[in-house]
Amino acid sequence: MKIPVPTTLSDADNQRFRELYLKHFNEELTVDEANRKAYRLLSFYAVVIGHKESKRR
């Protein structure tokens, strides 16, 4: 099962992602940086979930 991963976040999600990133990593991100980092994170998550789903079968 392939999980679709968005390439960009909505404005509200991007803002929230940047707030959380600043809180946890003490580093401010631009909108583009946040989109790239979120895409990498969500892609990794999709791979993990896909792997777990394939193991169930």
N, C-alpha and C. Protein backbone atom coordinates (compact mmCIF):
# COMPACT_ATOMS: atom_id res chain seq x y z
N MET A 1 0.85 -1.18 0.00
CA MET A 1 0.00 0.00 0.00
C MET A 1 0.88 1.23 0.00
N LYS A 2 0.69 2.09 -0.97
CA LYS A 2 1.47 3.32 -1.07
C LYS A 2 0.66 4.47 -0.46
N ILE A 3 1.27 5.16 0.47
CA ILE A 3 0.61 6.27 1.15
C ILE A 3 0.98 7.57 0.43
N PRO A 4 0.00 8.35 -0.01
CA PRO A 4 0.32 9.61 -0.67
C PRO A 4 0.92 10.61 0.32
N VAL A 5 1.98 11.29 -0.11
CA VAL A 5 2.66 12.27 0.72
C VAL A 5 2.59 13.63 0.04
N PRO A 6 2.04 14.63 0.72
CA PRO A 6 1.97 15.96 0.11
C PRO A 6 3.37 16.57 -0.04
N THR A 7 3.59 17.33 -1.10
CA THR A 7 4.89 17.96 -1.30
C THR A 7 4.97 19.32 -0.62
N THR A 8 3.83 19.90 -0.31
CA THR A 8 3.81 21.16 0.43
C THR A 8 2.71 21.10 1.49
N LEU A 9 2.89 21.90 2.50
CA LEU A 9 1.90 21.99 3.58
C LEU A 9 0.98 23.18 3.32
N SER A 10 -0.20 23.13 3.90
CA SER A 10 -1.06 24.31 3.86
C SER A 10 -0.38 25.41 4.66
N ASP A 11 -0.82 26.63 4.49
CA ASP A 11 -0.21 27.74 5.24
C ASP A 11 -0.28 27.52 6.74
N ALA A 12 -1.44 27.07 7.21
CA ALA A 12 -1.62 26.85 8.65
C ALA A 12 -0.73 25.71 9.15
N ASP A 13 -0.66 24.62 8.38
CA ASP A 13 0.19 23.49 8.77
C ASP A 13 1.66 23.86 8.73
N ASN A 14 2.04 24.66 7.73
CA ASN A 14 3.42 25.10 7.63
C ASN A 14 3.79 25.95 8.85
N GLN A 15 2.92 26.85 9.22
CA GLN A 15 3.17 27.70 10.39
C GLN A 15 3.32 26.85 11.65
N ARG A 16 2.44 25.89 11.82
CA ARG A 16 2.49 25.01 13.00
C ARG A 16 3.76 24.18 13.00
N PHE A 17 4.14 23.65 11.84
CA PHE A 17 5.37 22.88 11.73
C PHE A 17 6.57 23.74 12.13
N ARG A 18 6.62 24.99 11.66
CA ARG A 18 7.73 25.89 12.00
C ARG A 18 7.74 26.20 13.48
N GLU A 19 6.57 26.38 14.09
CA GLU A 19 6.50 26.63 15.53
C GLU A 19 7.03 25.44 16.32
N LEU A 20 6.61 24.25 15.93
CA LEU A 20 7.08 23.05 16.63
C LEU A 20 8.57 22.83 16.43
N TYR A 21 9.05 23.09 15.23
CA TYR A 21 10.48 22.92 14.94
C TYR A 21 11.30 23.90 15.78
N LEU A 22 10.85 25.12 15.87
CA LEU A 22 11.53 26.12 16.69
C LEU A 22 11.53 25.70 18.16
N LYS A 23 10.41 25.23 18.63
CA LYS A 23 10.29 24.81 20.03
C LYS A 23 11.23 23.64 20.36
N HIS A 24 11.30 22.66 19.47
CA HIS A 24 12.06 21.45 19.77
C HIS A 24 13.52 21.49 19.33
N PHE A 25 13.83 22.28 18.30
CA PHE A 25 15.20 22.33 17.79
C PHE A 25 15.84 23.70 17.90
N ASN A 26 15.08 24.69 18.40
CA ASN A 26 15.58 26.05 18.59
C ASN A 26 16.20 26.61 17.30
N GLU A 27 15.51 26.35 16.18
CA GLU A 27 15.98 26.82 14.88
C GLU A 27 14.77 27.26 14.07
N GLU A 28 14.84 28.48 13.56
CA GLU A 28 13.75 28.99 12.73
C GLU A 28 13.91 28.49 11.30
N LEU A 29 12.79 28.18 10.67
CA LEU A 29 12.78 27.71 9.29
C LEU A 29 12.02 28.69 8.41
N THR A 30 12.43 28.76 7.15
CA THR A 30 11.64 29.49 6.17
C THR A 30 10.47 28.59 5.75
N VAL A 31 9.54 29.15 5.01
CA VAL A 31 8.41 28.38 4.52
C VAL A 31 8.90 27.22 3.64
N ASP A 32 9.86 27.49 2.75
CA ASP A 32 10.39 26.45 1.87
C ASP A 32 11.13 25.37 2.66
N GLU A 33 11.92 25.78 3.63
CA GLU A 33 12.63 24.80 4.46
C GLU A 33 11.65 23.91 5.20
N ALA A 34 10.60 24.51 5.73
CA ALA A 34 9.59 23.73 6.46
C ALA A 34 8.91 22.73 5.52
N ASN A 35 8.59 23.14 4.31
CA ASN A 35 7.99 22.22 3.35
C ASN A 35 8.92 21.05 3.04
N ARG A 36 10.21 21.35 2.84
CA ARG A 36 11.17 20.28 2.54
C ARG A 36 11.33 19.32 3.71
N LYS A 37 11.47 19.86 4.92
CA LYS A 37 11.66 19.01 6.09
C LYS A 37 10.39 18.20 6.40
N ALA A 38 9.24 18.82 6.23
CA ALA A 38 7.98 18.10 6.45
C ALA A 38 7.83 16.99 5.43
N TYR A 39 8.18 17.25 4.18
CA TYR A 39 8.10 16.23 3.14
C TYR A 39 9.00 15.04 3.48
N ARG A 40 10.21 15.32 3.92
CA ARG A 40 11.14 14.24 4.31
C ARG A 40 10.57 13.43 5.48
N LEU A 41 10.03 14.13 6.47
CA LEU A 41 9.46 13.46 7.64
C LEU A 41 8.26 12.60 7.24
N LEU A 42 7.35 13.17 6.46
CA LEU A 42 6.16 12.42 6.05
C LEU A 42 6.51 11.27 5.12
N SER A 43 7.52 11.45 4.27
CA SER A 43 7.97 10.36 3.40
C SER A 43 8.51 9.20 4.22
N PHE A 44 9.31 9.52 5.23
CA PHE A 44 9.85 8.49 6.11
C PHE A 44 8.71 7.76 6.83
N TYR A 45 7.78 8.52 7.34
CA TYR A 45 6.62 7.94 8.03
C TYR A 45 5.84 7.02 7.09
N ALA A 46 5.66 7.44 5.84
CA ALA A 46 4.93 6.62 4.87
C ALA A 46 5.66 5.31 4.60
N VAL A 47 6.99 5.35 4.55
CA VAL A 47 7.78 4.13 4.34
C VAL A 47 7.61 3.19 5.52
N VAL A 48 7.68 3.72 6.73
CA VAL A 48 7.53 2.89 7.93
C VAL A 48 6.14 2.26 7.97
N ILE A 49 5.11 3.04 7.73
CA ILE A 49 3.74 2.52 7.74
C ILE A 49 3.57 1.49 6.63
N GLY A 50 4.09 1.78 5.45
CA GLY A 50 4.00 0.84 4.34
C GLY A 50 4.69 -0.48 4.67
N HIS A 51 5.83 -0.40 5.31
CA HIS A 51 6.56 -1.61 5.70
C HIS A 51 5.77 -2.41 6.73
N LYS A 52 5.21 -1.72 7.71
CA LYS A 52 4.41 -2.41 8.72
C LYS A 52 3.20 -3.08 8.09
N GLU A 53 2.56 -2.40 7.14
CA GLU A 53 1.39 -2.96 6.47
C GLU A 53 1.76 -4.19 5.67
N SER A 54 2.92 -4.18 5.02
CA SER A 54 3.33 -5.34 4.21
C SER A 54 3.67 -6.54 5.10
N LYS A 55 4.11 -6.28 6.32
CA LYS A 55 4.43 -7.37 7.26
C LYS A 55 3.17 -8.05 7.78
N ARG A 56 2.06 -7.34 7.79
CA ARG A 56 0.79 -7.90 8.27
C ARG A 56 0.22 -8.92 7.33
N ARG A 57 0.58 -8.85 6.08
CA ARG A 57 -0.02 -9.72 5.06
C ARG A 57 0.63 -11.07 5.02
